[in-house]
PDB file of all heavy atoms in Angstrom:
ATOM      1  N   SER A   1     -17.469 -11.607  12.408  1.00  0.00           N
ATOM      2  CA  SER A   1     -17.102 -12.226  13.660  1.00  0.00           C
ATOM      3  C   SER A   1     -18.152 -12.159  14.715  1.00  0.00           C
ATOM      4  O   SER A   1     -18.495 -13.115  15.378  1.00  0.00           O
ATOM      5  CB  SER A   1     -15.800 -11.634  14.209  1.00  0.00           C
ATOM      6  OG  SER A   1     -15.421 -12.182  15.380  1.00  0.00           O
ATOM      7  N   GLU A   2     -18.748 -10.998  14.876  1.00  0.00           N
ATOM      8  CA  GLU A   2     -19.788 -10.870  15.866  1.00  0.00           C
ATOM      9  C   GLU A   2     -21.019 -11.673  15.496  1.00  0.00           C
ATOM     10  O   GLU A   2     -21.617 -12.285  16.368  1.00  0.00           O
ATOM     11  CB  GLU A   2     -20.232  -9.361  15.941  1.00  0.00           C
ATOM     12  CG  GLU A   2     -19.182  -8.511  16.633  1.00  0.00           C
ATOM     13  CD  GLU A   2     -19.629  -7.006  16.704  1.00  0.00           C
ATOM     14  OE1 GLU A   2     -20.730  -6.667  16.355  1.00  0.00           O
ATOM     15  OE2 GLU A   2     -18.673  -6.181  17.116  1.00  0.00           O
ATOM     16  N   LYS A   3     -21.390 -11.697  14.252  1.00  0.00           N
ATOM     17  CA  LYS A   3     -22.543 -12.574  13.825  1.00  0.00           C
ATOM     18  C   LYS A   3     -22.243 -14.075  14.032  1.00  0.00           C
ATOM     19  O   LYS A   3     -23.124 -14.748  14.530  1.00  0.00           O
ATOM     20  CB  LYS A   3     -22.810 -12.312  12.364  1.00  0.00           C
ATOM     21  CG  LYS A   3     -23.353 -10.909  12.047  1.00  0.00           C
ATOM     22  CD  LYS A   3     -23.601 -10.707  10.616  1.00  0.00           C
ATOM     23  CE  LYS A   3     -24.075  -9.291  10.282  1.00  0.00           C
ATOM     24  NZ  LYS A   3     -24.091  -8.980   8.881  1.00  0.00           N
ATOM     25  N   GLU A   4     -21.018 -14.406  13.815  1.00  0.00           N
ATOM     26  CA  GLU A   4     -20.638 -15.816  14.004  1.00  0.00           C
ATOM     27  C   GLU A   4     -20.655 -16.212  15.480  1.00  0.00           C
ATOM     28  O   GLU A   4     -21.211 -17.236  15.914  1.00  0.00           O
ATOM     29  CB  GLU A   4     -19.224 -16.114  13.473  1.00  0.00           C
ATOM     30  CG  GLU A   4     -19.256 -16.186  12.031  1.00  0.00           C
ATOM     31  CD  GLU A   4     -17.795 -16.334  11.461  1.00  0.00           C
ATOM     32  OE1 GLU A   4     -16.880 -16.326  12.241  1.00  0.00           O
ATOM     33  OE2 GLU A   4     -17.647 -16.502  10.284  1.00  0.00           O
ATOM     34  N   ASP A   5     -20.212 -15.263  16.397  1.00  0.00           N
ATOM     35  CA  ASP A   5     -20.226 -15.487  17.785  1.00  0.00           C
ATOM     36  C   ASP A   5     -21.684 -15.659  18.297  1.00  0.00           C
ATOM     37  O   ASP A   5     -21.965 -16.537  19.057  1.00  0.00           O
ATOM     38  CB  ASP A   5     -19.610 -14.276  18.520  1.00  0.00           C
ATOM     39  CG  ASP A   5     -18.064 -14.286  18.478  1.00  0.00           C
ATOM     40  OD1 ASP A   5     -17.557 -15.294  17.964  1.00  0.00           O
ATOM     41  OD2 ASP A   5     -17.496 -13.276  18.856  1.00  0.00           O
ATOM     42  N   LYS A   6     -22.582 -14.697  17.839  1.00  0.00           N
ATOM     43  CA  LYS A   6     -23.968 -14.773  18.308  1.00  0.00           C
ATOM     44  C   LYS A   6     -24.595 -16.020  17.778  1.00  0.00           C
ATOM     45  O   LYS A   6     -25.415 -16.664  18.505  1.00  0.00           O
ATOM     46  CB  LYS A   6     -24.675 -13.531  17.736  1.00  0.00           C
ATOM     47  CG  LYS A   6     -24.297 -12.283  18.577  1.00  0.00           C
ATOM     48  CD  LYS A   6     -25.011 -11.063  18.118  1.00  0.00           C
ATOM     49  CE  LYS A   6     -24.520  -9.868  18.893  1.00  0.00           C
ATOM     50  NZ  LYS A   6     -25.167  -8.635  18.436  1.00  0.00           N
ATOM     51  N   SER A   7     -24.267 -16.450  16.527  1.00  0.00           N
ATOM     52  CA  SER A   7     -24.947 -17.686  16.066  1.00  0.00           C
ATOM     53  C   SER A   7     -24.482 -18.880  16.790  1.00  0.00           C
ATOM     54  O   SER A   7     -25.232 -19.801  17.055  1.00  0.00           O
ATOM     55  CB  SER A   7     -24.695 -17.798  14.521  1.00  0.00           C
ATOM     56  OG  SER A   7     -23.343 -18.023  14.238  1.00  0.00           O
ATOM     57  N   LEU A   8     -23.197 -18.927  17.241  1.00  0.00           N
ATOM     58  CA  LEU A   8     -22.680 -20.038  17.933  1.00  0.00           C
ATOM     59  C   LEU A   8     -23.335 -20.147  19.317  1.00  0.00           C
ATOM     60  O   LEU A   8     -23.684 -21.224  19.775  1.00  0.00           O
ATOM     61  CB  LEU A   8     -21.160 -19.908  18.174  1.00  0.00           C
ATOM     62  CG  LEU A   8     -20.292 -20.190  16.864  1.00  0.00           C
ATOM     63  CD1 LEU A   8     -18.891 -19.865  17.181  1.00  0.00           C
ATOM     64  CD2 LEU A   8     -20.433 -21.598  16.502  1.00  0.00           C
ATOM     65  N   VAL A   9     -23.541 -18.965  19.969  1.00  0.00           N
ATOM     66  CA  VAL A   9     -24.196 -18.920  21.280  1.00  0.00           C
ATOM     67  C   VAL A   9     -25.642 -19.398  21.101  1.00  0.00           C
ATOM     68  O   VAL A   9     -26.166 -20.206  21.812  1.00  0.00           O
ATOM     69  CB  VAL A   9     -24.201 -17.544  21.930  1.00  0.00           C
ATOM     70  CG1 VAL A   9     -25.063 -17.442  23.100  1.00  0.00           C
ATOM     71  CG2 VAL A   9     -22.707 -17.197  22.295  1.00  0.00           C
ATOM     72  N   GLN A  10     -26.372 -18.894  20.028  1.00  0.00           N
ATOM     73  CA  GLN A  10     -27.718 -19.234  19.924  1.00  0.00           C
ATOM     74  C   GLN A  10     -27.869 -20.703  19.524  1.00  0.00           C
ATOM     75  O   GLN A  10     -28.866 -21.377  19.900  1.00  0.00           O
ATOM     76  CB  GLN A  10     -28.355 -18.291  18.825  1.00  0.00           C
ATOM     77  CG  GLN A  10     -28.538 -16.865  19.311  1.00  0.00           C
ATOM     78  CD  GLN A  10     -28.949 -15.992  18.180  1.00  0.00           C
ATOM     79  OE1 GLN A  10     -28.885 -16.364  17.029  1.00  0.00           O
ATOM     80  NE2 GLN A  10     -29.228 -14.717  18.487  1.00  0.00           N
ATOM     81  N   SER A  11     -26.987 -21.269  18.786  1.00  0.00           N
ATOM     82  CA  SER A  11     -27.077 -22.681  18.352  1.00  0.00           C
ATOM     83  C   SER A  11     -26.704 -23.631  19.445  1.00  0.00           C
ATOM     84  O   SER A  11     -26.882 -24.761  19.304  1.00  0.00           O
ATOM     85  CB  SER A  11     -26.221 -22.907  17.097  1.00  0.00           C
ATOM     86  OG  SER A  11     -24.846 -22.824  17.442  1.00  0.00           O
ATOM     87  N   GLY A  12     -26.153 -23.086  20.531  1.00  0.00           N
ATOM     88  CA  GLY A  12     -25.677 -23.968  21.640  1.00  0.00           C
ATOM     89  C   GLY A  12     -24.324 -24.558  21.477  1.00  0.00           C
ATOM     90  O   GLY A  12     -23.897 -25.343  22.326  1.00  0.00           O
ATOM     91  N   SER A  13     -23.510 -24.089  20.504  1.00  0.00           N
ATOM     92  CA  SER A  13     -22.149 -24.496  20.354  1.00  0.00           C
ATOM     93  C   SER A  13     -21.257 -23.985  21.447  1.00  0.00           C
ATOM     94  O   SER A  13     -20.205 -24.634  21.770  1.00  0.00           O
ATOM     95  CB  SER A  13     -21.609 -24.125  19.045  1.00  0.00           C
ATOM     96  OG  SER A  13     -22.386 -24.709  17.953  1.00  0.00           O
ATOM     97  N   ILE A  14     -21.602 -22.820  22.040  1.00  0.00           N
ATOM     98  CA  ILE A  14     -20.835 -22.230  23.080  1.00  0.00           C
ATOM     99  C   ILE A  14     -21.639 -22.387  24.306  1.00  0.00           C
ATOM    100  O   ILE A  14     -22.836 -22.090  24.377  1.00  0.00           O
ATOM    101  CB  ILE A  14     -20.552 -20.779  22.802  1.00  0.00           C
ATOM    102  CG1 ILE A  14     -19.611 -20.630  21.597  1.00  0.00           C
ATOM    103  CG2 ILE A  14     -19.888 -20.116  23.973  1.00  0.00           C
ATOM    104  CD1 ILE A  14     -19.395 -19.183  21.151  1.00  0.00           C
ATOM    105  N   PRO A  15     -21.011 -22.898  25.361  1.00  0.00           N
ATOM    106  CA  PRO A  15     -21.748 -23.054  26.643  1.00  0.00           C
ATOM    107  C   PRO A  15     -22.355 -21.690  27.158  1.00  0.00           C
ATOM    108  O   PRO A  15     -21.693 -20.649  26.971  1.00  0.00           O
ATOM    109  CB  PRO A  15     -20.703 -23.603  27.717  1.00  0.00           C
ATOM    110  CG  PRO A  15     -19.618 -24.046  26.819  1.00  0.00           C
ATOM    111  CD  PRO A  15     -19.600 -23.335  25.501  1.00  0.00           C
ATOM    112  N   GLN A  16     -23.474 -21.776  27.752  1.00  0.00           N
ATOM    113  CA  GLN A  16     -24.185 -20.615  28.258  1.00  0.00           C
ATOM    114  C   GLN A  16     -23.359 -19.854  29.302  1.00  0.00           C
ATOM    115  O   GLN A  16     -23.407 -18.646  29.329  1.00  0.00           O
ATOM    116  CB  GLN A  16     -25.449 -21.028  28.873  1.00  0.00           C
ATOM    117  CG  GLN A  16     -26.381 -19.875  29.251  1.00  0.00           C
ATOM    118  CD  GLN A  16     -26.953 -19.176  27.997  1.00  0.00           C
ATOM    119  OE1 GLN A  16     -26.956 -19.702  26.909  1.00  0.00           O
ATOM    120  NE2 GLN A  16     -27.421 -17.927  28.228  1.00  0.00           N
ATOM    121  N   SER A  17     -22.511 -20.583  30.071  1.00  0.00           N
ATOM    122  CA  SER A  17     -21.697 -19.937  31.103  1.00  0.00           C
ATOM    123  C   SER A  17     -20.638 -18.979  30.405  1.00  0.00           C
ATOM    124  O   SER A  17     -20.075 -18.161  31.151  1.00  0.00           O
ATOM    125  CB  SER A  17     -21.037 -21.003  31.970  1.00  0.00           C
ATOM    126  OG  SER A  17     -20.202 -21.832  31.131  1.00  0.00           O
ATOM    127  N   TRP A  18     -20.288 -19.179  29.157  1.00  0.00           N
ATOM    128  CA  TRP A  18     -19.243 -18.390  28.533  1.00  0.00           C
ATOM    129  C   TRP A  18     -19.879 -17.105  27.948  1.00  0.00           C
ATOM    130  O   TRP A  18     -19.175 -16.194  27.516  1.00  0.00           O
ATOM    131  CB  TRP A  18     -18.634 -19.186  27.406  1.00  0.00           C
ATOM    132  CG  TRP A  18     -17.751 -20.286  27.823  1.00  0.00           C
ATOM    133  CD1 TRP A  18     -17.639 -20.832  29.080  1.00  0.00           C
ATOM    134  CD2 TRP A  18     -16.800 -20.995  26.968  1.00  0.00           C
ATOM    135  NE1 TRP A  18     -16.746 -21.825  29.076  1.00  0.00           N
ATOM    136  CE2 TRP A  18     -16.215 -21.952  27.814  1.00  0.00           C
ATOM    137  CE3 TRP A  18     -16.467 -20.941  25.740  1.00  0.00           C
ATOM    138  CZ2 TRP A  18     -15.253 -22.842  27.292  1.00  0.00           C
ATOM    139  CZ3 TRP A  18     -15.548 -21.809  25.172  1.00  0.00           C
ATOM    140  CH2 TRP A  18     -14.899 -22.677  25.996  1.00  0.00           C
ATOM    141  N   ARG A  19     -21.184 -17.077  27.948  1.00  0.00           N
ATOM    142  CA  ARG A  19     -21.877 -15.908  27.338  1.00  0.00           C
ATOM    143  C   ARG A  19     -21.446 -14.582  28.049  1.00  0.00           C
ATOM    144  O   ARG A  19     -21.298 -13.570  27.400  1.00  0.00           O
ATOM    145  CB  ARG A  19     -23.378 -16.079  27.495  1.00  0.00           C
ATOM    146  CG  ARG A  19     -24.103 -15.151  26.566  1.00  0.00           C
ATOM    147  CD  ARG A  19     -25.602 -15.525  26.541  1.00  0.00           C
ATOM    148  NE  ARG A  19     -26.120 -14.954  25.378  1.00  0.00           N
ATOM    149  CZ  ARG A  19     -27.275 -15.121  24.918  1.00  0.00           C
ATOM    150  NH1 ARG A  19     -27.988 -16.069  25.423  1.00  0.00           N
ATOM    151  NH2 ARG A  19     -27.689 -14.500  23.834  1.00  0.00           N
ATOM    152  N   CYS A  20     -21.265 -14.641  29.378  1.00  0.00           N
ATOM    153  CA  CYS A  20     -20.871 -13.382  30.067  1.00  0.00           C
ATOM    154  C   CYS A  20     -19.488 -12.936  29.704  1.00  0.00           C
ATOM    155  O   CYS A  20     -19.157 -11.782  29.772  1.00  0.00           O
ATOM    156  CB  CYS A  20     -20.959 -13.592  31.586  1.00  0.00           C
ATOM    157  SG  CYS A  20     -19.831 -14.858  32.311  1.00  0.00           S
ATOM    158  N   LEU A  21     -18.611 -13.859  29.237  1.00  0.00           N
ATOM    159  CA  LEU A  21     -17.316 -13.485  28.747  1.00  0.00           C
ATOM    160  C   LEU A  21     -17.344 -12.860  27.374  1.00  0.00           C
ATOM    161  O   LEU A  21     -16.596 -11.952  27.098  1.00  0.00           O
ATOM    162  CB  LEU A  21     -16.420 -14.723  28.743  1.00  0.00           C
ATOM    163  CG  LEU A  21     -16.086 -15.393  30.082  1.00  0.00           C
ATOM    164  CD1 LEU A  21     -15.312 -16.657  29.816  1.00  0.00           C
ATOM    165  CD2 LEU A  21     -15.344 -14.458  30.933  1.00  0.00           C
ATOM    166  N   LEU A  22     -18.209 -13.353  26.549  1.00  0.00           N
ATOM    167  CA  LEU A  22     -18.383 -12.835  25.242  1.00  0.00           C
ATOM    168  C   LEU A  22     -19.097 -11.491  25.154  1.00  0.00           C
ATOM    169  O   LEU A  22     -18.887 -10.560  24.356  1.00  0.00           O
ATOM    170  CB  LEU A  22     -19.060 -13.812  24.303  1.00  0.00           C
ATOM    171  CG  LEU A  22     -18.306 -15.117  23.951  1.00  0.00           C
ATOM    172  CD1 LEU A  22     -19.118 -16.041  23.207  1.00  0.00           C
ATOM    173  CD2 LEU A  22     -17.051 -14.777  23.278  1.00  0.00           C
ATOM    174  N   TYR A  23     -20.131 -11.349  26.026  1.00  0.00           N
ATOM    175  CA  TYR A  23     -20.955 -10.185  26.037  1.00  0.00           C
ATOM    176  C   TYR A  23     -21.101  -9.635  27.499  1.00  0.00           C
ATOM    177  O   TYR A  23     -22.149  -9.765  28.114  1.00  0.00           O
ATOM    178  CB  TYR A  23     -22.360 -10.523  25.450  1.00  0.00           C
ATOM    179  CG  TYR A  23     -22.303 -11.206  24.120  1.00  0.00           C
ATOM    180  CD1 TYR A  23     -22.491 -12.539  23.998  1.00  0.00           C
ATOM    181  CD2 TYR A  23     -21.929 -10.453  23.064  1.00  0.00           C
ATOM    182  CE1 TYR A  23     -22.389 -13.235  22.748  1.00  0.00           C
ATOM    183  CE2 TYR A  23     -21.880 -11.064  21.809  1.00  0.00           C
ATOM    184  CZ  TYR A  23     -22.050 -12.465  21.621  1.00  0.00           C
ATOM    185  OH  TYR A  23     -21.916 -13.077  20.408  1.00  0.00           O
ATOM    186  N   PRO A  24     -20.041  -9.038  28.020  1.00  0.00           N
ATOM    187  CA  PRO A  24     -20.103  -8.455  29.373  1.00  0.00           C
ATOM    188  C   PRO A  24     -21.139  -7.377  29.496  1.00  0.00           C
ATOM    189  O   PRO A  24     -21.343  -6.652  28.528  1.00  0.00           O
ATOM    190  CB  PRO A  24     -18.654  -8.096  29.652  1.00  0.00           C
ATOM    191  CG  PRO A  24     -18.095  -7.804  28.326  1.00  0.00           C
ATOM    192  CD  PRO A  24     -18.766  -8.720  27.385  1.00  0.00           C
ATOM    193  N   SER A  25     -21.672  -7.143  30.687  1.00  0.00           N
ATOM    194  CA  SER A  25     -22.561  -6.107  30.871  1.00  0.00           C
ATOM    195  C   SER A  25     -21.767  -4.802  30.957  1.00  0.00           C
ATOM    196  O   SER A  25     -20.594  -4.734  31.244  1.00  0.00           O
ATOM    197  CB  SER A  25     -23.376  -6.254  32.182  1.00  0.00           C
ATOM    198  OG  SER A  25     -22.453  -6.173  33.318  1.00  0.00           O
TER     199      SER A  25
END
């Protein structure tokens, strides 16, 4: 699941603005 999430973010399938929700500091 984590690998799929990261690949979706890297491929641009998930908007950049959602990245903070998936990977909070």
